[in-house]
N, C-alpha and C. Protein backbone atom coordinates (compact mmCIF):
# COMPACT_ATOMS: atom_id res chain seq x y z
N MET A 1 -45.31 158.49 -3.34
CA MET A 1 -45.67 157.09 -3.66
C MET A 1 -46.11 156.67 -4.52
N LEU A 2 -47.16 157.90 -5.68
CA LEU A 2 -47.67 157.57 -6.45
C LEU A 2 -46.32 158.12 -7.98
N SER A 3 -45.48 159.18 -7.70
CA SER A 3 -44.24 159.75 -8.60
C SER A 3 -43.46 158.34 -8.92
N ASN A 4 -42.94 157.27 -7.25
CA ASN A 4 -42.25 155.89 -7.75
C ASN A 4 -43.20 155.21 -9.11
N ALA A 5 -44.77 155.47 -8.71
CA ALA A 5 -45.18 154.20 -9.77
C ALA A 5 -45.50 154.29 -11.23
N LEU A 6 -45.51 156.01 -11.28
CA LEU A 6 -45.70 156.90 -12.56
C LEU A 6 -43.63 156.59 -13.33
N LEU A 7 -43.10 156.47 -12.39
CA LEU A 7 -41.49 156.42 -13.17
C LEU A 7 -41.24 155.22 -13.13
N THR A 8 -42.05 153.95 -12.04
CA THR A 8 -41.46 152.65 -12.83
C THR A 8 -42.60 152.34 -14.44
N ALA A 9 -43.80 153.21 -14.20
CA ALA A 9 -44.44 152.39 -15.51
C ALA A 9 -43.81 152.99 -16.61
N SER A 10 -42.88 154.51 -16.68
CA SER A 10 -42.80 155.08 -17.92
C SER A 10 -41.04 154.27 -17.88
N SER A 11 -40.79 153.89 -17.23
CA SER A 11 -39.56 153.23 -17.48
C SER A 11 -39.05 151.79 -18.61
N GLY A 12 -40.97 151.12 -18.26
CA GLY A 12 -41.08 149.75 -18.61
C GLY A 12 -41.79 150.05 -19.94
N SER A 13 -42.07 151.19 -20.09
CA SER A 13 -42.94 151.69 -21.54
C SER A 13 -41.10 151.72 -22.37
N SER A 14 -40.91 152.76 -21.65
CA SER A 14 -39.59 153.41 -22.81
C SER A 14 -38.72 152.01 -23.51
N THR A 15 -38.69 150.89 -22.03
CA THR A 15 -37.93 149.63 -22.50
C THR A 15 -38.75 149.15 -23.82
N LEU A 16 -40.05 149.09 -23.74
CA LEU A 16 -40.66 148.31 -24.69
C LEU A 16 -40.94 148.92 -26.07
N ILE A 17 -40.41 150.47 -26.22
CA ILE A 17 -40.30 151.03 -27.12
C ILE A 17 -38.99 150.97 -27.97
N LEU A 18 -38.07 150.79 -26.75
CA LEU A 18 -36.72 150.93 -27.06
C LEU A 18 -36.74 148.93 -28.10
N THR A 19 -36.81 148.18 -27.22
CA THR A 19 -36.83 146.92 -28.01
C THR A 19 -37.78 147.00 -29.29
N ALA A 20 -38.68 147.61 -29.19
CA ALA A 20 -39.97 147.48 -30.41
C ALA A 20 -38.51 148.18 -31.76
N VAL A 21 -38.01 149.40 -31.44
CA VAL A 21 -37.28 149.57 -32.51
C VAL A 21 -35.89 149.11 -32.88
N MET A 22 -35.31 148.66 -32.22
CA MET A 22 -34.12 147.69 -32.05
C MET A 22 -35.01 146.04 -32.66
N PHE A 23 -36.14 145.99 -32.98
CA PHE A 23 -36.56 145.00 -33.83
C PHE A 23 -36.82 145.16 -35.07
N GLY A 24 -37.31 146.71 -35.26
CA GLY A 24 -37.04 147.32 -37.22
C GLY A 24 -36.13 147.23 -37.55
N VAL A 25 -35.29 148.09 -36.80
CA VAL A 25 -33.67 148.05 -37.23
C VAL A 25 -33.27 147.10 -37.87
N MET A 26 -33.54 146.12 -36.85
CA MET A 26 -32.64 144.63 -37.27
C MET A 26 -33.42 144.20 -38.88
N TYR A 27 -34.91 144.54 -38.43
CA TYR A 27 -35.35 143.91 -40.03
C TYR A 27 -34.91 144.46 -40.54
N PHE A 28 -34.79 146.04 -40.84
CA PHE A 28 -34.87 146.53 -42.21
C PHE A 28 -32.91 146.61 -42.46
N VAL A 29 -31.99 146.01 -41.96
CA VAL A 29 -30.95 146.17 -41.77
C VAL A 29 -30.60 144.14 -42.38
N LEU A 30 -31.23 143.18 -41.57
CA LEU A 30 -31.37 141.84 -42.03
C LEU A 30 -31.81 141.48 -42.58
N ILE A 31 -33.24 141.36 -42.34
CA ILE A 31 -34.23 140.45 -43.09
C ILE A 31 -34.25 140.87 -44.16
N ALA A 32 -34.78 142.00 -44.75
CA ALA A 32 -35.57 142.37 -46.05
C ALA A 32 -34.24 142.25 -47.07
N PRO A 33 -33.03 143.10 -47.00
CA PRO A 33 -32.14 142.19 -47.69
C PRO A 33 -31.99 140.59 -48.27
N GLN A 34 -32.07 140.20 -46.94
CA GLN A 34 -32.25 138.57 -47.26
C GLN A 34 -33.04 138.09 -47.89
N ARG A 35 -34.42 138.67 -47.91
CA ARG A 35 -35.82 138.33 -48.85
C ARG A 35 -35.62 138.79 -50.21
N LYS A 36 -34.91 139.48 -50.77
CA LYS A 36 -34.67 140.08 -51.33
C LYS A 36 -33.44 139.63 -52.12
N ARG A 37 -32.57 138.99 -51.70
CA ARG A 37 -31.53 138.25 -52.31
C ARG A 37 -32.28 137.20 -52.75
N ASP A 38 -32.93 136.15 -51.95
CA ASP A 38 -33.93 135.02 -51.85
C ASP A 38 -34.80 135.19 -53.40
N LYS A 39 -35.39 136.29 -53.79
CA LYS A 39 -36.24 136.45 -54.42
C LYS A 39 -35.18 136.48 -56.11
N VAL A 40 -34.45 137.24 -56.07
CA VAL A 40 -33.53 137.16 -57.23
C VAL A 40 -32.96 136.02 -57.72
N LEU A 41 -32.47 135.27 -56.44
CA LEU A 41 -32.27 133.69 -56.49
C LEU A 41 -33.22 132.39 -56.96
N ALA A 42 -34.08 132.74 -56.71
CA ALA A 42 -35.31 131.98 -56.77
C ALA A 42 -35.50 132.51 -58.35
N SER A 43 -35.99 133.39 -58.82
CA SER A 43 -35.56 133.57 -60.48
C SER A 43 -34.96 133.78 -61.36
N MET A 44 -33.80 133.74 -60.80
CA MET A 44 -32.90 133.11 -61.55
C MET A 44 -32.69 132.00 -61.75
N ARG A 45 -33.33 130.83 -60.67
CA ARG A 45 -33.27 129.05 -60.88
C ARG A 45 -34.38 129.02 -61.75
N SER A 46 -35.13 129.42 -61.36
CA SER A 46 -36.64 129.43 -62.65
C SER A 46 -36.35 129.87 -64.15
N GLN A 47 -35.18 130.40 -64.40
CA GLN A 47 -35.26 130.93 -65.62
C GLN A 47 -33.75 130.03 -66.51
N VAL A 48 -33.39 129.04 -65.64
CA VAL A 48 -32.78 128.28 -65.81
C VAL A 48 -32.89 127.59 -67.44
N GLU A 49 -32.10 127.62 -68.44
CA GLU A 49 -32.43 126.44 -69.76
C GLU A 49 -31.50 126.22 -70.12
N VAL A 50 -32.06 125.13 -71.03
CA VAL A 50 -31.10 124.47 -71.75
C VAL A 50 -29.82 124.94 -72.27
N GLY A 51 -28.84 124.64 -72.24
CA GLY A 51 -28.02 124.87 -72.82
C GLY A 51 -27.02 126.27 -71.83
N ASP A 52 -27.53 126.59 -70.80
CA ASP A 52 -27.14 127.77 -70.03
C ASP A 52 -25.96 126.67 -68.82
N GLU A 53 -24.43 127.85 -69.44
CA GLU A 53 -24.03 127.12 -67.76
C GLU A 53 -23.86 127.99 -66.53
N VAL A 54 -24.02 127.04 -65.49
CA VAL A 54 -24.17 127.26 -63.87
C VAL A 54 -23.39 127.12 -63.38
N ILE A 55 -23.07 127.27 -62.34
CA ILE A 55 -22.11 126.68 -60.95
C ILE A 55 -23.39 126.54 -60.07
N THR A 56 -22.75 125.38 -59.19
CA THR A 56 -23.47 124.85 -58.47
C THR A 56 -22.94 125.57 -56.94
N GLN A 57 -23.69 125.13 -55.91
CA GLN A 57 -23.57 125.68 -54.60
C GLN A 57 -22.00 124.60 -54.36
N GLY A 58 -21.87 123.90 -54.50
CA GLY A 58 -20.49 122.64 -54.79
C GLY A 58 -19.43 123.30 -55.50
N GLY A 59 -19.72 124.20 -56.26
CA GLY A 59 -18.53 124.84 -57.10
C GLY A 59 -18.37 123.71 -58.24
N ILE A 60 -19.33 122.93 -58.25
CA ILE A 60 -19.26 122.44 -60.05
C ILE A 60 -20.15 123.29 -61.13
N ILE A 61 -18.95 123.36 -62.23
CA ILE A 61 -19.51 123.96 -63.66
C ILE A 61 -19.89 122.81 -64.46
N GLY A 62 -20.95 123.46 -65.22
CA GLY A 62 -20.99 122.60 -65.94
C GLY A 62 -22.73 123.33 -66.80
N ARG A 63 -22.80 122.82 -68.11
CA ARG A 63 -23.93 122.92 -68.59
C ARG A 63 -25.09 122.22 -68.89
N VAL A 64 -25.88 122.87 -68.92
CA VAL A 64 -27.51 122.36 -68.63
C VAL A 64 -27.38 121.64 -69.90
N VAL A 65 -27.86 120.18 -69.45
CA VAL A 65 -28.82 120.11 -70.95
C VAL A 65 -30.23 119.47 -70.67
N SER A 66 -30.45 118.64 -69.27
CA SER A 66 -31.68 118.32 -69.46
C SER A 66 -32.73 119.01 -68.37
N ILE A 67 -33.97 119.45 -67.97
CA ILE A 67 -34.54 120.42 -67.33
C ILE A 67 -36.43 119.05 -66.66
N ARG A 68 -36.60 118.86 -65.77
CA ARG A 68 -36.95 118.30 -64.84
C ARG A 68 -37.82 119.33 -64.12
N ASP A 69 -38.53 118.82 -63.55
CA ASP A 69 -39.58 119.76 -62.14
C ASP A 69 -38.79 120.25 -61.50
N ASP A 70 -38.26 119.39 -60.48
CA ASP A 70 -37.16 120.22 -59.30
C ASP A 70 -35.56 119.40 -59.81
N THR A 71 -35.23 118.72 -60.77
CA THR A 71 -33.76 118.39 -61.06
C THR A 71 -33.14 118.64 -62.12
N ILE A 72 -32.28 119.08 -62.76
CA ILE A 72 -31.48 119.68 -63.80
C ILE A 72 -30.21 118.22 -63.72
N VAL A 73 -30.09 118.26 -65.48
CA VAL A 73 -29.06 117.40 -65.23
C VAL A 73 -27.87 118.22 -66.14
N ILE A 74 -26.72 118.51 -65.29
CA ILE A 74 -26.05 118.80 -66.14
C ILE A 74 -24.89 118.40 -66.57
N GLU A 75 -23.95 118.68 -67.63
CA GLU A 75 -22.58 118.36 -68.39
C GLU A 75 -21.51 118.67 -67.97
N THR A 76 -20.34 117.62 -67.50
CA THR A 76 -19.38 119.04 -67.00
C THR A 76 -17.98 118.26 -67.80
N GLY A 77 -17.30 118.80 -67.64
CA GLY A 77 -15.40 118.42 -68.02
C GLY A 77 -15.98 118.09 -69.22
N SER A 78 -14.51 117.81 -70.25
CA SER A 78 -14.21 117.46 -71.62
C SER A 78 -14.51 115.95 -71.45
N ASP A 79 -14.71 115.11 -70.53
CA ASP A 79 -15.36 113.84 -71.26
C ASP A 79 -17.08 113.48 -70.99
N ARG A 80 -17.41 114.63 -70.69
CA ARG A 80 -19.15 115.23 -70.74
C ARG A 80 -19.62 114.08 -70.00
N SER A 81 -19.15 114.60 -68.68
CA SER A 81 -19.69 113.36 -67.60
C SER A 81 -21.16 114.18 -67.50
N LYS A 82 -22.30 113.29 -66.65
CA LYS A 82 -23.43 113.95 -66.65
C LYS A 82 -23.56 113.74 -65.00
N ILE A 83 -24.22 114.94 -64.72
CA ILE A 83 -24.81 114.66 -62.72
C ILE A 83 -26.15 115.84 -62.88
N ARG A 84 -26.54 114.65 -61.89
CA ARG A 84 -28.23 114.57 -61.92
C ARG A 84 -28.29 115.76 -60.46
N ILE A 85 -28.56 116.96 -60.67
CA ILE A 85 -28.49 118.17 -59.52
C ILE A 85 -29.73 118.44 -58.91
N ALA A 86 -29.74 119.04 -58.05
CA ALA A 86 -31.91 119.76 -57.45
C ALA A 86 -31.60 120.99 -57.70
N ARG A 87 -32.27 121.76 -58.16
CA ARG A 87 -32.38 123.06 -58.91
C ARG A 87 -32.17 124.52 -57.91
N TRP A 88 -32.37 123.42 -57.16
CA TRP A 88 -31.80 124.67 -56.03
C TRP A 88 -30.57 125.04 -55.31
N ALA A 89 -30.08 123.60 -55.95
CA ALA A 89 -28.00 123.79 -55.71
C ALA A 89 -27.73 124.53 -56.44
N ILE A 90 -28.24 125.08 -57.68
CA ILE A 90 -27.46 126.12 -58.66
C ILE A 90 -27.47 127.77 -57.92
N GLN A 91 -26.31 128.16 -57.84
CA GLN A 91 -25.53 129.35 -57.28
C GLN A 91 -25.69 130.49 -58.71
N GLU A 92 -24.97 130.01 -59.23
CA GLU A 92 -25.02 131.03 -60.37
C GLU A 92 -25.19 130.56 -62.08
N ASN A 93 -25.74 131.29 -62.41
CA ASN A 93 -26.19 130.97 -64.10
C ASN A 93 -25.07 132.00 -64.64
N THR A 94 -24.03 131.84 -65.45
CA THR A 94 -22.52 132.23 -65.75
C THR A 94 -22.96 132.91 -67.49
N THR A 95 -24.12 132.25 -67.88
CA THR A 95 -24.43 132.68 -69.35
C THR A 95 -25.34 133.55 -68.92
N ARG A 96 -26.60 133.68 -68.47
CA ARG A 96 -27.50 134.93 -67.94
C ARG A 96 -26.51 135.92 -68.07
N LYS A 97 -25.01 135.93 -66.59
CA LYS A 97 -24.36 136.87 -66.03
C LYS A 97 -23.94 137.54 -67.33
N ALA A 98 -23.35 136.13 -68.03
CA ALA A 98 -22.33 137.14 -68.86
C ALA A 98 -23.33 138.32 -70.17
N ALA A 99 -24.36 137.96 -70.40
CA ALA A 99 -25.67 138.86 -71.54
C ALA A 99 -26.09 140.05 -70.94
N ALA A 100 -26.22 139.69 -69.40
CA ALA A 100 -26.69 140.70 -69.05
C ALA A 100 -25.53 142.10 -68.35
N SER A 101 -24.11 141.95 -68.29
CA SER A 101 -22.70 142.28 -68.58
C SER A 101 -22.90 142.85 -69.70
N SER A 102 -23.31 142.08 -70.80
CA SER A 102 -22.70 143.47 -71.77
C SER A 102 -23.65 143.94 -72.83
N LYS A 103 -25.32 143.91 -72.36
CA LYS A 103 -25.88 144.99 -72.59
C LYS A 103 -25.29 146.18 -72.34
């Protein structure tokens, strides 16, 4: 009777350990790299300056004309249409990327 109780306790603790290991692996494979990408993206968005060429998440390409707290006005196309977008909508700063790759 005692051996069955020990076997059940051992089985339960091994399941708990296996679950903890799986959560640890998932954290280091999925969550940690995503947090790093989010920090890089937030840093890029905070460093956008007037005159930079940016690409939005929707695929709009334009040059930054003015910057406010949470909004940015970009100028698109040859007809100089201006669009006000949220800062979080910027996906890529092509000016900074080109400058970084030329160094």
